[in-house]
C-alpha atoms as a PDB file:
ATOM      1  CA  SER A   1     107.522 115.585 137.634  1.00  0.00           C
ATOM      2  CA  VAL A   2     108.831 112.099 136.887  1.00  0.00           C
ATOM      3  CA  SER A   3     110.953 110.311 139.472  1.00  0.00           C
ATOM      4  CA  PRO A   4     114.461 109.147 138.435  1.00  0.00           C
ATOM      5  CA  VAL A   5     113.185 105.548 138.405  1.00  0.00           C
ATOM      6  CA  GLY A   6     110.185 106.542 136.284  1.00  0.00           C
ATOM      7  CA  GLY A   7     112.453 108.415 133.874  1.00  0.00           C
ATOM      8  CA  ARG A   8     114.723 105.381 133.426  1.00  0.00           C
ATOM      9  CA  TRP A   9     111.679 103.129 132.963  1.00  0.00           C
ATOM     10  CA  THR A  10     110.252 105.450 130.293  1.00  0.00           C
ATOM     11  CA  SER A  11     113.620 105.609 128.509  1.00  0.00           C
ATOM     12  CA  ALA A  12     113.912 101.800 128.563  1.00  0.00           C
ATOM     13  CA  LEU A  13     110.404 101.455 127.081  1.00  0.00           C
ATOM     14  CA  ASP A  14     111.196 104.053 124.395  1.00  0.00           C
ATOM     15  CA  SER A  15     114.355 102.142 123.497  1.00  0.00           C
ATOM     16  CA  LEU A  16     112.495  98.823 123.317  1.00  0.00           C
ATOM     17  CA  ARG A  17     109.730 100.348 121.162  1.00  0.00           C
ATOM     18  CA  TRP A  18     112.344 101.868 118.858  1.00  0.00           C
ATOM     19  CA  ARG A  19     114.131  98.526 118.392  1.00  0.00           C
ATOM     20  CA  GLY A  20     110.811  97.086 117.211  1.00  0.00           C
ATOM     21  CA  LEU A  21     110.249  99.958 114.740  1.00  0.00           C
ATOM     22  CA  GLN A  22     113.819 100.508 113.496  1.00  0.00           C
ATOM     23  CA  PRO A  23     115.944  97.458 114.408  1.00  0.00           C
ATOM     24  CA  LYS A  24     118.931  98.691 112.369  1.00  0.00           C
ATOM     25  CA  MET A  25     119.159 101.998 114.221  1.00  0.00           C
ATOM     26  CA  GLU A  26     120.599 102.554 117.689  1.00  0.00           C
ATOM     27  CA  PHE A  27     118.244 104.476 119.976  1.00  0.00           C
ATOM     28  CA  ILE A  28     119.875 107.569 121.530  1.00  0.00           C
ATOM     29  CA  SER A  29     117.060 109.561 123.142  1.00  0.00           C
ATOM     30  CA  SER A  30     113.393 110.454 122.944  1.00  0.00           C
ATOM     31  CA  PHE A  31     111.251 113.196 124.454  1.00  0.00           C
ATOM     32  CA  ASP A  32     107.895 114.881 124.014  1.00  0.00           C
ATOM     33  CA  THR A  33     107.280 118.567 123.385  1.00  0.00           C
ATOM     34  CA  PRO A  34     103.886 120.309 123.305  1.00  0.00           C
ATOM     35  CA  TYR A  35     103.936 119.765 119.520  1.00  0.00           C
ATOM     36  CA  GLN A  36     105.469 116.356 118.841  1.00  0.00           C
ATOM     37  CA  ASN A  37     107.569 113.422 119.946  1.00  0.00           C
ATOM     38  CA  ILE A  38     111.271 113.712 119.037  1.00  0.00           C
ATOM     39  CA  THR A  39     113.488 110.632 118.771  1.00  0.00           C
ATOM     40  CA  VAL A  40     117.211 110.687 117.993  1.00  0.00           C
ATOM     41  CA  ALA A  41     118.804 107.491 116.660  1.00  0.00           C
ATOM     42  CA  ARG A  42     122.052 106.411 114.978  1.00  0.00           C
ATOM     43  CA  ALA A  43     122.674 104.137 111.982  1.00  0.00           C
ATOM     44  CA  LYS A  44     126.365 103.538 111.299  1.00  0.00           C
ATOM     45  CA  SER A  45     127.893 107.024 110.964  1.00  0.00           C
ATOM     46  CA  ALA A  46     124.589 108.886 110.458  1.00  0.00           C
ATOM     47  CA  ILE A  47     122.275 110.366 113.072  1.00  0.00           C
ATOM     48  CA  GLY A  48     118.566 110.584 112.339  1.00  0.00           C
ATOM     49  CA  VAL A  49     116.083 112.850 114.092  1.00  0.00           C
ATOM     50  CA  PHE A  50     112.459 111.734 113.917  1.00  0.00           C
ATOM     51  CA  ALA A  51     109.398 113.895 114.600  1.00  0.00           C
ATOM     52  CA  ASP A  52     106.336 111.789 115.426  1.00  0.00           C
ATOM     53  CA  GLY A  53     108.071 108.799 113.837  1.00  0.00           C
ATOM     54  CA  LYS A  54     108.865 110.566 110.548  1.00  0.00           C
ATOM     55  CA  ILE A  55     112.393 111.606 109.600  1.00  0.00           C
ATOM     56  CA  ALA A  56     112.921 115.308 110.299  1.00  0.00           C
ATOM     57  CA  ALA A  57     116.671 115.552 109.700  1.00  0.00           C
ATOM     58  CA  SER A  58     119.719 113.373 109.257  1.00  0.00           C
ATOM     59  CA  PHE A  59     123.373 114.133 109.813  1.00  0.00           C
ATOM     60  CA  PRO A  60     125.690 114.300 108.065  1.00  0.00           C
ATOM     61  CA  SER A  61     123.817 115.246 104.910  1.00  0.00           C
ATOM     62  CA  ARG A  62     126.129 117.962 103.670  1.00  0.00           C
ATOM     63  CA  GLU A  63     126.172 116.757 100.059  1.00  0.00           C
ATOM     64  CA  THR A  64     122.375 116.933  99.879  1.00  0.00           C
ATOM     65  CA  ALA A  65     122.357 120.411 101.417  1.00  0.00           C
ATOM     66  CA  GLU A  66     125.050 121.606  98.987  1.00  0.00           C
ATOM     67  CA  LEU A  67     122.980 120.373  96.033  1.00  0.00           C
ATOM     68  CA  GLU A  68     119.780 121.961  97.347  1.00  0.00           C
ATOM     69  CA  ALA A  69     121.437 125.361  97.875  1.00  0.00           C
ATOM     70  CA  ALA A  70     123.060 125.199  94.426  1.00  0.00           C
ATOM     71  CA  LEU A  71     119.698 124.324  92.847  1.00  0.00           C
ATOM     72  CA  PHE A  72     117.957 127.271  94.518  1.00  0.00           C
ATOM     73  CA  PHE A  73     120.605 129.753  93.408  1.00  0.00           C
ATOM     74  CA  SER A  74     120.745 128.321  89.889  1.00  0.00           C
ATOM     75  CA  GLN A  75     117.010 129.098  89.620  1.00  0.00           C
ATOM     76  CA  ASN A  76     117.477 132.656  90.879  1.00  0.00           C
ATOM     77  CA  PRO A  77     121.040 133.927  91.437  1.00  0.00           C
ATOM     78  CA  LYS A  78     119.630 137.168  92.889  1.00  0.00           C
ATOM     79  CA  VAL A  79     118.322 135.514  96.070  1.00  0.00           C
ATOM     80  CA  ARG A  80     119.317 137.760  98.991  1.00  0.00           C
ATOM     81  CA  ARG A  81     116.449 137.464 101.523  1.00  0.00           C
ATOM     82  CA  VAL A  82     115.540 133.938 102.647  1.00  0.00           C
ATOM     83  CA  LEU A  83     112.848 132.497 104.895  1.00  0.00           C
ATOM     84  CA  LEU A  84     113.331 128.955 106.216  1.00  0.00           C
ATOM     85  CA  VAL A  85     110.101 127.553 107.638  1.00  0.00           C
ATOM     86  CA  GLU A  86     111.223 124.733 109.945  1.00  0.00           C
ATOM     87  CA  GLY A  87     114.297 122.630 109.175  1.00  0.00           C
ATOM     88  CA  ALA A  88     116.825 125.317 110.162  1.00  0.00           C
ATOM     89  CA  ALA A  89     119.050 122.752 111.880  1.00  0.00           C
ATOM     90  CA  GLY A  90     118.910 120.301 108.983  1.00  0.00           C
ATOM     91  CA  GLY A  91     122.086 121.353 107.166  1.00  0.00           C
ATOM     92  CA  LEU A  92     120.793 123.760 104.521  1.00  0.00           C
ATOM     93  CA  LEU A  93     121.528 126.902 106.538  1.00  0.00           C
ATOM     94  CA  PRO A  94     125.363 126.593 106.494  1.00  0.00           C
ATOM     95  CA  GLU A  95     125.236 126.048 102.731  1.00  0.00           C
ATOM     96  CA  LEU A  96     122.974 129.045 102.087  1.00  0.00           C
ATOM     97  CA  LEU A  97     125.393 131.225 104.053  1.00  0.00           C
ATOM     98  CA  ARG A  98     128.108 130.447 101.483  1.00  0.00           C
ATOM     99  CA  TYR A  99     126.108 132.507  98.976  1.00  0.00           C
ATOM    100  CA  PRO A 100     125.756 136.335  99.010  1.00  0.00           C
ATOM    101  CA  VAL A 101     122.583 136.389 101.115  1.00  0.00           C
ATOM    102  CA  GLU A 102     121.738 139.467 103.159  1.00  0.00           C
ATOM    103  CA  ARG A 103     119.293 137.906 105.602  1.00  0.00           C
ATOM    104  CA  ILE A 104     117.964 134.473 106.543  1.00  0.00           C
ATOM    105  CA  ASP A 105     114.962 134.315 108.861  1.00  0.00           C
ATOM    106  CA  CYS A 106     114.404 130.879 110.399  1.00  0.00           C
ATOM    107  CA  VAL A 107     110.944 130.197 111.825  1.00  0.00           C
ATOM    108  CA  GLU A 108     110.620 127.209 114.138  1.00  0.00           C
ATOM    109  CA  PRO A 109     107.373 126.375 115.970  1.00  0.00           C
ATOM    110  CA  ASP A 110     108.995 124.066 118.521  1.00  0.00           C
ATOM    111  CA  GLU A 111     112.006 125.536 120.324  1.00  0.00           C
ATOM    112  CA  ARG A 112     112.753 122.407 122.334  1.00  0.00           C
ATOM    113  CA  ALA A 113     112.811 120.218 119.207  1.00  0.00           C
ATOM    114  CA  PHE A 114     115.001 122.788 117.461  1.00  0.00           C
ATOM    115  CA  GLN A 115     117.515 122.797 120.329  1.00  0.00           C
ATOM    116  CA  SER A 116     117.762 118.995 120.174  1.00  0.00           C
ATOM    117  CA  LEU A 117     118.395 119.146 116.422  1.00  0.00           C
ATOM    118  CA  ARG A 118     120.943 121.901 116.888  1.00  0.00           C
ATOM    119  CA  GLY A 119     122.770 119.771 119.434  1.00  0.00           C
ATOM    120  CA  ALA A 120     122.998 116.929 116.904  1.00  0.00           C
ATOM    121  CA  MET A 121     124.532 119.088 114.152  1.00  0.00           C
ATOM    122  CA  PRO A 122     128.035 117.985 113.139  1.00  0.00           C
ATOM    123  CA  PRO A 123     130.758 120.283 114.524  1.00  0.00           C
ATOM    124  CA  GLU A 124     132.229 120.792 111.043  1.00  0.00           C
ATOM    125  CA  TRP A 125     129.148 122.838 110.147  1.00  0.00           C
ATOM    126  CA  GLY A 126     130.394 125.503 112.541  1.00  0.00           C
ATOM    127  CA  GLU A 127     127.909 127.814 114.246  1.00  0.00           C
ATOM    128  CA  PRO A 128     125.670 129.164 111.485  1.00  0.00           C
ATOM    129  CA  PHE A 129     123.230 130.543 114.067  1.00  0.00           C
ATOM    130  CA  GLN A 130     125.908 132.980 115.261  1.00  0.00           C
ATOM    131  CA  ASP A 131     126.123 134.571 111.802  1.00  0.00           C
ATOM    132  CA  GLY A 132     124.737 138.130 111.906  1.00  0.00           C
ATOM    133  CA  ARG A 133     122.604 137.472 108.819  1.00  0.00           C
ATOM    134  CA  VAL A 134     120.614 134.759 110.616  1.00  0.00           C
ATOM    135  CA  ARG A 135     117.579 135.529 112.771  1.00  0.00           C
ATOM    136  CA  MET A 136     115.786 132.793 114.732  1.00  0.00           C
ATOM    137  CA  VAL A 137     112.057 133.190 115.387  1.00  0.00           C
ATOM    138  CA  PHE A 138     110.185 130.695 117.574  1.00  0.00           C
ATOM    139  CA  GLU A 139     106.599 131.097 116.477  1.00  0.00           C
ATOM    140  CA  ASP A 140     103.810 129.366 114.617  1.00  0.00           C
ATOM    141  CA  PRO A 141     104.897 129.450 110.926  1.00  0.00           C
ATOM    142  CA  ARG A 142     101.388 130.209 109.664  1.00  0.00           C
ATOM    143  CA  ARG A 143     101.142 133.244 111.948  1.00  0.00           C
ATOM    144  CA  PHE A 144     104.586 134.471 110.841  1.00  0.00           C
ATOM    145  CA  VAL A 145     103.776 134.042 107.137  1.00  0.00           C
ATOM    146  CA  ARG A 146     100.487 135.940 107.523  1.00  0.00           C
ATOM    147  CA  ARG A 147     102.359 138.931 108.974  1.00  0.00           C
ATOM    148  CA  MET A 148     105.284 139.089 106.540  1.00  0.00           C
ATOM    149  CA  GLY A 149     105.358 142.022 104.173  1.00  0.00           C
ATOM    150  CA  VAL A 150     104.556 141.901 100.466  1.00  0.00           C
ATOM    151  CA  GLY A 151     107.642 140.813  98.515  1.00  0.00           C
ATOM    152  CA  ALA A 152     109.641 140.344 101.740  1.00  0.00           C
ATOM    153  CA  TYR A 153     111.636 137.296 100.561  1.00  0.00           C
ATOM    154  CA  ASP A 154     113.392 136.069  97.426  1.00  0.00           C
ATOM    155  CA  LEU A 155     113.315 132.445  98.630  1.00  0.00           C
ATOM    156  CA  ILE A 156     110.880 130.761 101.001  1.00  0.00           C
ATOM    157  CA  ALA A 157     111.689 127.138 101.853  1.00  0.00           C
ATOM    158  CA  ALA A 158     109.243 125.075 103.940  1.00  0.00           C
ATOM    159  CA  LEU A 159     111.351 122.184 105.217  1.00  0.00           C
ATOM    160  CA  GLY A 160     109.089 120.639 107.847  1.00  0.00           C
ATOM    161  CA  PRO A 161     107.893 117.036 107.930  1.00  0.00           C
ATOM    162  CA  ASP A 162     105.539 115.464 105.407  1.00  0.00           C
ATOM    163  CA  PRO A 163     101.826 116.323 105.819  1.00  0.00           C
ATOM    164  CA  GLY A 164     101.133 113.229 107.903  1.00  0.00           C
ATOM    165  CA  THR A 165      99.674 115.087 110.890  1.00  0.00           C
ATOM    166  CA  ALA A 166      97.214 117.958 111.284  1.00  0.00           C
ATOM    167  CA  ARG A 167     100.066 120.197 112.474  1.00  0.00           C
ATOM    168  CA  ALA A 168     102.327 119.415 109.507  1.00  0.00           C
ATOM    169  CA  ASN A 169      99.455 119.559 107.029  1.00  0.00           C
ATOM    170  CA  ARG A 170      98.971 123.277 107.764  1.00  0.00           C
ATOM    171  CA  LEU A 171     101.992 124.021 105.529  1.00  0.00           C
ATOM    172  CA  PHE A 172     100.465 122.173 102.558  1.00  0.00           C
ATOM    173  CA  THR A 173      97.177 124.030 102.126  1.00  0.00           C
ATOM    174  CA  ARG A 174      95.915 126.391  99.445  1.00  0.00           C
ATOM    175  CA  ASP A 175      95.619 129.183 102.041  1.00  0.00           C
ATOM    176  CA  PHE A 176      99.254 128.763 103.061  1.00  0.00           C
ATOM    177  CA  TYR A 177     100.454 128.795  99.443  1.00  0.00           C
ATOM    178  CA  GLN A 178      98.504 131.992  98.774  1.00  0.00           C
ATOM    179  CA  GLU A 179     100.004 133.641 101.848  1.00  0.00           C
ATOM    180  CA  VAL A 180     103.507 132.575 100.752  1.00  0.00           C
ATOM    181  CA  ARG A 181     102.908 133.942  97.266  1.00  0.00           C
ATOM    182  CA  GLY A 182     102.274 137.407  98.674  1.00  0.00           C
ATOM    183  CA  GLY A 183     105.557 137.335 100.570  1.00  0.00           C
ATOM    184  CA  LEU A 184     107.700 136.505  97.524  1.00  0.00           C
ATOM    185  CA  SER A 185     109.538 139.158  95.540  1.00  0.00           C
ATOM    186  CA  ALA A 186     109.251 139.275  91.745  1.00  0.00           C
ATOM    187  CA  GLY A 187     110.972 136.128  90.478  1.00  0.00           C
ATOM    188  CA  GLY A 188     111.040 134.714  94.029  1.00  0.00           C
ATOM    189  CA  LEU A 189     111.090 130.977  94.697  1.00  0.00           C
ATOM    190  CA  TYR A 190     108.977 128.800  96.978  1.00  0.00           C
ATOM    191  CA  VAL A 191     110.335 125.371  97.837  1.00  0.00           C
ATOM    192  CA  SER A 192     108.888 122.585  99.958  1.00  0.00           C
ATOM    193  CA  LYS A 193     109.961 119.023 100.475  1.00  0.00           C
ATOM    194  CA  MET A 194     108.003 115.819 100.578  1.00  0.00           C
ATOM    195  CA  THR A 195     109.116 112.216 100.781  1.00  0.00           C
ATOM    196  CA  SER A 196     108.392 110.102  97.715  1.00  0.00           C
ATOM    197  CA  ALA A 197     109.262 106.668  96.400  1.00  0.00           C
ATOM    198  CA  GLU A 198     111.874 106.563  93.660  1.00  0.00           C
END
């Protein structure tokens, strides 16, 4: 274990490193999990959560989440069973719950990172994880997707980070897409996100 002095020293170094990388953002905290480094920082009224230096979520982003949910349901108004692969604490979940969904399964590979994101969620989002339609699963997403039944979901959304690491890249492979395809119902939707320049 790290001594209190060592912990403060590590935190001070993390803060200094962050100021060099993102001088316009205030460093809040940073920690390592078995899967990634998580850093939480603030810029004006927004909080950003970074996984291995790449943005994983930002709060508040309610307008973006509202638009995403509306887009999904405009493509298929019959969506009732949803699978969120990572990104459950990113703001989309409360918006999806405003629609007539029957079940939302949220698969997160890194429980500690998820709990830090959950703690950063704005209070006005309420407690979507207490909704009876929501089920949290802490497991490797590839393993979960391999085991899901044929036609199990009407919407599968992979909301993890960009494929900049070997871990993240696993959700952007041909094998993964084929596995997802088998889990979609007729007319089901698959959605993933990736950062791009405008």
